[in-house]
Amino acid sequence: MYTYTYTVMATKTISITEEAYAALLSEKQNSESFTQTILRLTKKKGKLADSFGKWKMTDQEEQKMQSELSEGWRVVAERLSIEMP
């Protein structure tokens, strides 16, 4: 008994600049096809909103973050008041 599998892969022709081709070629890994390279580079990482609420921080970490943010905003406000009287 013989089994034969025939797979048809649709293809599209695209035009890219020499610069884009060189960039894609530099990203291509050894035995990887250009299709595999493009798919690897464009794989979705998920939405930023998907990570909200996932980080468990201690009270100390929260206080430090709040303190650093407050200090940063204070410095920005001070610079703006000097540069834009």
C-alpha atoms as a PDB file:
ATOM      1  CA  MET A   1       0.000   0.000   0.000  1.00  0.00           C
ATOM      2  CA  TYR A   2       1.333   3.420  -0.978  1.00  0.00           C
ATOM      3  CA  THR A   3       0.275   6.720   0.519  1.00  0.00           C
ATOM      4  CA  TYR A   4       0.845   9.949  -1.334  1.00  0.00           C
ATOM      5  CA  THR A   5       0.291  13.342   0.250  1.00  0.00           C
ATOM      6  CA  TYR A   6       0.108  16.405  -1.950  1.00  0.00           C
ATOM      7  CA  THR A   7       0.285  19.815  -0.314  1.00  0.00           C
ATOM      8  CA  VAL A   8      -0.483  22.994  -2.199  1.00  0.00           C
ATOM      9  CA  MET A   9       0.935  26.192  -0.770  1.00  0.00           C
ATOM     10  CA  ALA A  10      -0.411  29.469  -2.077  1.00  0.00           C
ATOM     11  CA  THR A  11       2.198  32.034  -2.971  1.00  0.00           C
ATOM     12  CA  LYS A  12       2.139  35.772  -3.510  1.00  0.00           C
ATOM     13  CA  THR A  13       4.701  37.908  -5.244  1.00  0.00           C
ATOM     14  CA  ILE A  14       5.638  41.124  -3.472  1.00  0.00           C
ATOM     15  CA  SER A  15       7.963  43.965  -4.413  1.00  0.00           C
ATOM     16  CA  ILE A  16      10.437  45.250  -1.862  1.00  0.00           C
ATOM     17  CA  THR A  17      13.394  47.599  -2.097  1.00  0.00           C
ATOM     18  CA  GLU A  18      16.980  46.382  -2.081  1.00  0.00           C
ATOM     19  CA  GLU A  19      17.307  47.877   1.393  1.00  0.00           C
ATOM     20  CA  ALA A  20      14.288  45.908   2.668  1.00  0.00           C
ATOM     21  CA  TYR A  21      15.614  42.714   1.049  1.00  0.00           C
ATOM     22  CA  ALA A  22      19.015  43.199   2.693  1.00  0.00           C
ATOM     23  CA  ALA A  23      17.339  43.792   6.067  1.00  0.00           C
ATOM     24  CA  LEU A  24      15.223  40.638   5.683  1.00  0.00           C
ATOM     25  CA  LEU A  25      18.235  38.629   4.544  1.00  0.00           C
ATOM     26  CA  SER A  26      20.207  39.745   7.601  1.00  0.00           C
ATOM     27  CA  GLU A  27      17.384  38.502   9.870  1.00  0.00           C
ATOM     28  CA  LYS A  28      17.148  35.120   8.107  1.00  0.00           C
ATOM     29  CA  GLN A  29      18.569  32.238  10.125  1.00  0.00           C
ATOM     30  CA  ASN A  30      20.612  29.384   8.595  1.00  0.00           C
ATOM     31  CA  SER A  31      18.031  26.910   7.302  1.00  0.00           C
ATOM     32  CA  GLU A  32      15.057  29.249   7.563  1.00  0.00           C
ATOM     33  CA  SER A  33      12.988  30.176   4.514  1.00  0.00           C
ATOM     34  CA  PHE A  34      12.010  33.777   3.876  1.00  0.00           C
ATOM     35  CA  THR A  35       8.424  32.826   4.762  1.00  0.00           C
ATOM     36  CA  GLN A  36       9.552  31.410   8.099  1.00  0.00           C
ATOM     37  CA  THR A  37      11.655  34.523   8.735  1.00  0.00           C
ATOM     38  CA  ILE A  38       8.742  36.867   8.044  1.00  0.00           C
ATOM     39  CA  LEU A  39       6.390  34.821  10.218  1.00  0.00           C
ATOM     40  CA  ARG A  40       8.926  34.723  13.077  1.00  0.00           C
ATOM     41  CA  LEU A  41       9.519  38.470  12.908  1.00  0.00           C
ATOM     42  CA  THR A  42       5.839  39.348  12.727  1.00  0.00           C
ATOM     43  CA  LYS A  43       4.521  36.912  15.318  1.00  0.00           C
ATOM     44  CA  LYS A  44       2.012  38.684  17.537  1.00  0.00           C
ATOM     45  CA  LYS A  45       3.239  39.384  21.023  1.00  0.00           C
ATOM     46  CA  GLY A  46      -0.216  40.204  22.341  1.00  0.00           C
ATOM     47  CA  LYS A  47      -1.765  43.479  23.328  1.00  0.00           C
ATOM     48  CA  LEU A  48      -0.226  45.617  26.039  1.00  0.00           C
ATOM     49  CA  ALA A  49      -3.576  45.599  27.840  1.00  0.00           C
ATOM     50  CA  ASP A  50      -3.330  41.791  28.154  1.00  0.00           C
ATOM     51  CA  SER A  51      -0.536  42.232  30.687  1.00  0.00           C
ATOM     52  CA  PHE A  52      -2.357  44.709  32.932  1.00  0.00           C
ATOM     53  CA  GLY A  53      -2.884  43.410  36.435  1.00  0.00           C
ATOM     54  CA  LYS A  54      -0.496  40.492  35.978  1.00  0.00           C
ATOM     55  CA  TRP A  55       2.390  41.867  37.995  1.00  0.00           C
ATOM     56  CA  LYS A  56       2.153  41.213  41.708  1.00  0.00           C
ATOM     57  CA  MET A  57       4.210  43.818  43.512  1.00  0.00           C
ATOM     58  CA  THR A  58       4.944  44.212  47.159  1.00  0.00           C
ATOM     59  CA  ASP A  59       3.888  47.291  49.106  1.00  0.00           C
ATOM     60  CA  GLN A  60       7.534  48.380  49.160  1.00  0.00           C
ATOM     61  CA  GLU A  61       7.806  48.081  45.365  1.00  0.00           C
ATOM     62  CA  GLU A  62       4.610  50.095  44.934  1.00  0.00           C
ATOM     63  CA  GLN A  63       5.849  52.829  47.287  1.00  0.00           C
ATOM     64  CA  LYS A  64       9.212  53.003  45.506  1.00  0.00           C
ATOM     65  CA  MET A  65       7.519  53.228  42.100  1.00  0.00           C
ATOM     66  CA  GLN A  66       5.142  55.954  43.306  1.00  0.00           C
ATOM     67  CA  SER A  67       8.038  57.880  44.844  1.00  0.00           C
ATOM     68  CA  GLU A  68      10.143  57.672  41.667  1.00  0.00           C
ATOM     69  CA  LEU A  69       7.207  58.711  39.480  1.00  0.00           C
ATOM     70  CA  SER A  70       6.410  61.634  41.763  1.00  0.00           C
ATOM     71  CA  GLU A  71      10.029  62.761  41.721  1.00  0.00           C
ATOM     72  CA  GLY A  72      10.147  62.486  37.933  1.00  0.00           C
ATOM     73  CA  TRP A  73       7.005  64.596  37.532  1.00  0.00           C
ATOM     74  CA  ARG A  74       8.371  67.145  40.028  1.00  0.00           C
ATOM     75  CA  VAL A  75      11.576  67.489  37.989  1.00  0.00           C
ATOM     76  CA  VAL A  76       9.600  67.894  34.744  1.00  0.00           C
ATOM     77  CA  ALA A  77       7.341  70.536  36.287  1.00  0.00           C
ATOM     78  CA  GLU A  78      10.375  72.405  37.653  1.00  0.00           C
ATOM     79  CA  ARG A  79      12.142  72.392  34.270  1.00  0.00           C
ATOM     80  CA  LEU A  80       9.007  73.558  32.512  1.00  0.00           C
ATOM     81  CA  SER A  81       8.544  76.431  34.960  1.00  0.00           C
ATOM     82  CA  ILE A  82      12.152  77.547  34.319  1.00  0.00           C
ATOM     83  CA  GLU A  83      12.108  77.087  30.529  1.00  0.00           C
ATOM     84  CA  MET A  84       8.573  78.373  29.958  1.00  0.00           C
ATOM     85  CA  PRO A  85       7.943  81.139  32.483  1.00  0.00           C
END
